[in-house]
Every structure is written in C-alpha cells, then in structure tokens.
C-alpha cells in the first residue's frame, strides 16, 4: 500500500513537472525580431466560444480572433483564424474577461491559420489601450510601435467579413440567443392557447 502511494506521488510530480516544462518552453525573442517576422499585426480578442480548428505543433489550437484594428498585413479580415498554445488559453481567457485585449504579431506556419510569432512572444497584452507588460524595455518598444503607426496614419483597413463567411467562422454562438427567445415565445403562446381552449370547453 505504501509502495503504491509513493509511486502515485512520484507519477503526479513527474506529470506536473512535464506540464510546467511544456508551458514554458518558448524561447524569449527580442521585440524587434517579433515585429520583423510578423506578416500581420492586429489588435483584438480571441473568441473562445467556438470549437477550435485542430492543427499541428504547440500552436495546434486555432480560434477565431475578432480584429478591432490592424497595423500590418494585406487584406486583413475582421475575423481571423489564429493559433494559440493550449497552455495559454486559460490565462488569455481570464485576461480578456477582465477587459484586456491583445496586440498580436502573426506569421504563417504549417497550419491553415496564422500563429503568434514565437507563441506568447507575439501575444502582447493590452489594457485600456495601453501595453500591459512588466518588462519596461519591451513595454516601451511596443508602445512606441503603436504610437508611431497611429501618428503616421499607418493603420491597415480591416476587411468586413461577408455574412456567409461570418456564419461559418462564428459557428452557432451568435444564433443561440435569438433561437432561445423564439422557442420560449413559441412555448408561451402554445401553452397560453391551450389554457384558453380548456377554459372554453
């Protein structure tokens, strides 16, 4: 019995250590390299409500990203499919729920969607329109990146998504509320009619 407990504890520690290593395995990149590698630079939020597209590698979860503003790229759509490391999903959700957004620097890889340069290196947290970064050097770099483009009017037009494309990208999420309302209204009308008929009879 004691042997089983010891083995169980060892296995749990091993697995947790393995997860920690996987979650922090990205090499830290200099901001200048992140910007240079990026094909697209956008500000917005991930939409985690839909089912992700499965891809390959550490950035194998592709979610819709709702673009609010674009600083770099050709034909940037209002909704992009963007990869994210599975270990970053939890904190990214929490950050967005607190009102945060992301400045993403995206590049192409073997997947059918864009991915942040160097994983979390290309995911710059923003709060109240300002860069939310502990490292003062990195914070200043990205703040200057935004200021320079805003001052020079170098924002990229965001291409509206066609209604048919939006349906495919967004899934059923946007339609759940109206469908629920219609079903509830129908149910109320049905039972109301039955009640009136029963009174007449």
Protein backbone atom coordinates (compact mmCIF):
# COMPACT_ATOMS: atom_id res chain seq x y z
CA UNK A 1 0.00 0.00 0.00
CA UNK A 2 2.81 2.36 0.96
CA UNK A 3 4.60 1.50 -2.28
CA UNK A 4 1.50 2.37 -4.33
CA UNK A 5 1.16 5.77 -2.62
CA UNK A 6 4.84 6.55 -3.21
CA UNK A 7 4.55 5.56 -6.86
CA UNK A 8 1.41 7.67 -7.26
CA UNK A 9 3.08 10.75 -5.76
CA UNK A 10 6.14 10.29 -7.95
CA UNK A 11 3.97 9.97 -11.06
CA UNK A 12 1.96 13.09 -10.16
CA UNK A 13 5.13 15.11 -9.59
CA UNK A 14 6.60 13.86 -12.86
CA UNK A 15 3.50 14.79 -14.84
CA UNK A 16 3.18 18.23 -13.26
CA UNK A 17 6.86 18.89 -13.95
CA UNK A 18 6.38 17.80 -17.54
CA UNK A 19 3.43 20.18 -17.96
CA UNK A 20 5.38 23.06 -16.46
CA UNK A 21 8.26 22.46 -18.85
CA UNK A 22 5.90 22.30 -21.83
CA UNK A 23 4.17 25.50 -20.77
CA UNK A 24 7.42 27.49 -20.55
CA UNK A 25 9.41 26.03 -23.43
CA UNK A 26 9.23 29.09 -25.69
CA UNK A 27 12.50 30.94 -26.32
CA UNK A 28 12.23 34.62 -25.41
CA UNK A 29 12.55 36.76 -28.55
CA UNK A 30 13.60 40.37 -28.87
CA UNK A 31 10.66 42.67 -29.77
CA UNK A 32 12.42 43.83 -32.95
CA UNK A 33 12.63 40.22 -34.17
CA UNK A 34 8.96 39.62 -33.37
CA UNK A 35 7.93 42.65 -35.43
CA UNK A 36 10.27 41.75 -38.29
CA UNK A 37 8.94 38.18 -38.59
CA UNK A 38 5.28 39.17 -38.41
CA UNK A 39 3.24 39.18 -41.61
CA UNK A 40 0.21 40.58 -39.79
CA UNK A 41 -0.17 42.81 -36.71
CA UNK A 42 -3.64 43.25 -35.22
CA UNK A 43 -5.40 44.30 -32.02
CA UNK A 44 -8.47 42.45 -30.78
CA UNK A 45 -9.75 39.46 -28.85
CA UNK A 46 -9.87 35.70 -29.19
CA UNK A 47 -13.34 34.17 -29.43
CA UNK A 48 -13.09 31.01 -27.34
CA UNK A 49 -16.82 30.23 -27.60
CA UNK A 50 -16.48 28.10 -30.72
CA UNK A 51 -14.82 24.76 -31.35
CA UNK A 52 -11.13 25.18 -32.26
CA UNK A 53 -9.58 24.05 -35.51
CA UNK A 54 -7.02 21.36 -34.76
CA UNK A 55 -3.57 21.89 -36.16
CA UNK A 56 -0.04 20.63 -35.64
CA UNK A 57 2.66 21.56 -33.15
CA UNK A 58 2.43 23.59 -29.93
CA UNK A 59 0.14 26.18 -31.57
CA UNK A 60 -2.31 23.48 -32.60
CA UNK A 61 -5.50 25.19 -31.39
CA UNK A 62 -6.95 27.62 -33.95
CA UNK A 63 -9.65 30.02 -32.72
CA UNK A 64 -11.44 32.99 -34.26
CA UNK A 65 -9.81 36.32 -33.46
CA UNK A 66 -12.03 39.41 -33.66
CA UNK A 67 -9.94 42.23 -35.15
CA UNK A 68 -10.51 45.74 -33.81
CA UNK A 69 -7.55 47.39 -35.52
CA UNK A 70 -4.77 46.33 -37.89
CA UNK A 71 -1.25 47.76 -38.16
CA UNK A 72 0.28 45.38 -40.69
CA UNK A 73 -0.90 42.92 -43.33
CA UNK A 74 -2.66 42.56 -46.68
CA UNK A 75 -6.45 42.13 -46.86
CA UNK A 76 -6.83 41.77 -43.10
CA UNK A 77 -10.30 40.37 -42.37
CA UNK A 78 -12.42 41.39 -39.38
CA UNK A 79 -12.32 37.77 -38.20
CA UNK A 80 -9.08 35.80 -38.47
CA UNK A 81 -8.37 32.21 -37.57
CA UNK A 82 -5.41 32.38 -35.17
CA UNK A 83 -3.48 29.70 -33.32
CA UNK A 84 -2.69 29.67 -29.62
CA UNK A 85 -0.68 27.41 -27.34
CA UNK A 86 -3.07 25.22 -25.34
CA UNK A 87 -1.26 26.28 -22.16
CA UNK A 88 -2.01 29.95 -22.91
CA UNK A 89 -5.77 29.54 -23.36
CA UNK A 90 -6.65 29.67 -19.66
CA UNK A 91 -4.82 32.90 -18.81
CA UNK A 92 -5.81 34.50 -22.13
CA UNK A 93 -9.50 33.85 -21.34
CA UNK A 94 -9.13 35.31 -17.86
CA UNK A 95 -7.28 38.37 -19.17
CA UNK A 96 -9.98 39.06 -21.77
CA UNK A 97 -12.75 38.61 -19.19
CA UNK A 98 -11.09 41.39 -17.20
CA UNK A 99 -11.36 43.69 -20.22
CA UNK A 100 -7.95 43.04 -21.76
CA UNK A 101 -7.15 42.79 -25.46
CA UNK A 102 -4.15 41.51 -27.43
CA UNK A 103 -1.77 43.07 -29.90
CA UNK A 104 -0.85 40.01 -31.96
CA UNK A 105 2.15 39.72 -34.26
CA UNK A 106 1.30 36.84 -36.57
CA UNK A 107 3.21 34.68 -39.00
CA UNK A 108 2.45 31.69 -41.20
CA UNK A 109 3.41 28.12 -40.36
CA UNK A 110 2.40 24.60 -41.41
CA UNK A 111 -1.15 25.06 -40.10
CA UNK A 112 -4.05 26.52 -42.08
CA UNK A 113 -4.13 29.60 -39.89
CA UNK A 114 -1.84 32.35 -38.65
CA UNK A 115 0.05 31.94 -35.37
CA UNK A 116 1.68 34.39 -32.93
CA UNK A 117 5.40 34.81 -33.58
CA UNK A 118 7.22 32.65 -31.04
CA UNK A 119 4.00 31.73 -29.24
CA UNK A 120 3.49 34.10 -26.28
CA UNK A 121 6.25 36.38 -27.67
CA UNK A 122 3.77 37.54 -30.30
CA UNK A 123 0.88 37.99 -27.84
CA UNK A 124 1.20 41.47 -26.34
CA UNK A 125 -1.31 42.13 -23.58
CA UNK A 126 -3.15 45.45 -23.64
CA UNK A 127 -5.37 47.07 -21.01
CA UNK A 128 -7.29 50.33 -21.52
CA UNK A 129 -5.49 50.85 -24.81
CA UNK A 130 -2.03 50.61 -23.23
CA UNK A 131 0.59 47.86 -23.35
CA UNK A 132 0.37 45.68 -20.25
CA UNK A 133 3.94 44.40 -19.91
CA UNK A 134 6.12 44.09 -16.80
CA UNK A 135 9.42 44.47 -18.66
CA UNK A 136 9.83 48.28 -19.11
CA UNK A 137 12.04 47.90 -22.21
CA UNK A 138 9.56 45.65 -24.01
CA UNK A 139 6.64 47.81 -22.89
CA UNK A 140 8.26 50.96 -24.28
CA UNK A 141 9.11 49.22 -27.57
CA UNK A 142 5.54 48.10 -28.25
CA UNK A 143 4.03 51.37 -27.03
CA UNK A 144 6.29 53.23 -29.47
CA UNK A 145 5.31 50.79 -32.23
CA UNK A 146 1.65 51.68 -31.73
CA UNK A 147 2.25 55.44 -31.30
CA UNK A 148 4.37 55.70 -34.46
CA UNK A 149 1.76 53.97 -36.60
CA UNK A 150 -1.12 55.91 -35.12
CA UNK A 151 0.70 59.23 -35.60
CA UNK A 152 1.67 58.40 -39.19
CA UNK A 153 -1.78 57.04 -40.01
CA UNK A 154 -0.28 53.65 -40.84
CA UNK A 155 -3.24 51.58 -39.75
CA UNK A 156 -4.43 48.93 -42.22
CA UNK A 157 -8.09 48.84 -43.33
CA UNK A 158 -9.94 45.86 -41.86
CA UNK A 159 -11.96 43.98 -44.48
CA UNK A 160 -15.56 43.28 -43.41
CA UNK A 161 -16.49 39.61 -43.33
CA UNK A 162 -19.34 38.56 -45.64
CA UNK A 163 -22.45 37.25 -43.90
CA UNK A 164 -21.97 33.74 -45.29
CA UNK A 165 -18.34 33.66 -44.15
CA UNK A 166 -19.24 35.02 -40.72
CA UNK A 167 -21.74 32.20 -40.20
CA UNK A 168 -19.07 29.64 -40.96
CA UNK A 169 -16.47 31.34 -38.79
CA UNK A 170 -18.61 32.13 -35.78
CA UNK A 171 -20.49 28.83 -35.57
CA UNK A 172 -23.78 28.68 -33.70
CA UNK A 173 -22.86 31.02 -30.83
CA UNK A 174 -24.44 34.24 -32.21
CA UNK A 175 -27.69 32.45 -33.02
CA UNK A 176 -28.28 30.79 -29.66
CA UNK A 177 -29.92 33.82 -28.04
CA UNK A 178 -32.49 34.58 -30.81
CA UNK A 179 -33.30 30.87 -31.23
CA UNK A 180 -33.81 30.51 -27.48
CA UNK A 181 -36.07 33.58 -27.47
CA UNK A 182 -38.17 32.22 -30.35
CA UNK A 183 -38.54 28.84 -28.65
CA UNK A 184 -39.57 30.46 -25.37
CA UNK A 185 -42.07 32.76 -27.10
CA UNK A 186 -43.49 29.80 -29.01
CA UNK A 187 -43.81 27.80 -25.81
CA UNK A 188 -45.64 30.62 -24.02
CA UNK A 189 -48.02 31.09 -26.97
CA UNK A 190 -48.69 27.35 -27.20
CA UNK A 191 -49.49 26.85 -23.52
CA UNK A 192 -51.50 30.10 -23.44
CA UNK A 193 -53.65 28.90 -26.33
CA UNK A 194 -54.20 25.52 -24.68
CA UNK A 195 -55.25 27.19 -21.44
CA UNK A 196 -57.78 29.39 -23.25
CA UNK A 197 -59.24 26.43 -25.15
CA UNK A 198 -59.55 24.38 -21.97
CA UNK A 199 -61.48 27.24 -20.30
CA UNK A 200 -63.91 27.46 -23.25
CA UNK A 201 -64.57 23.73 -23.17
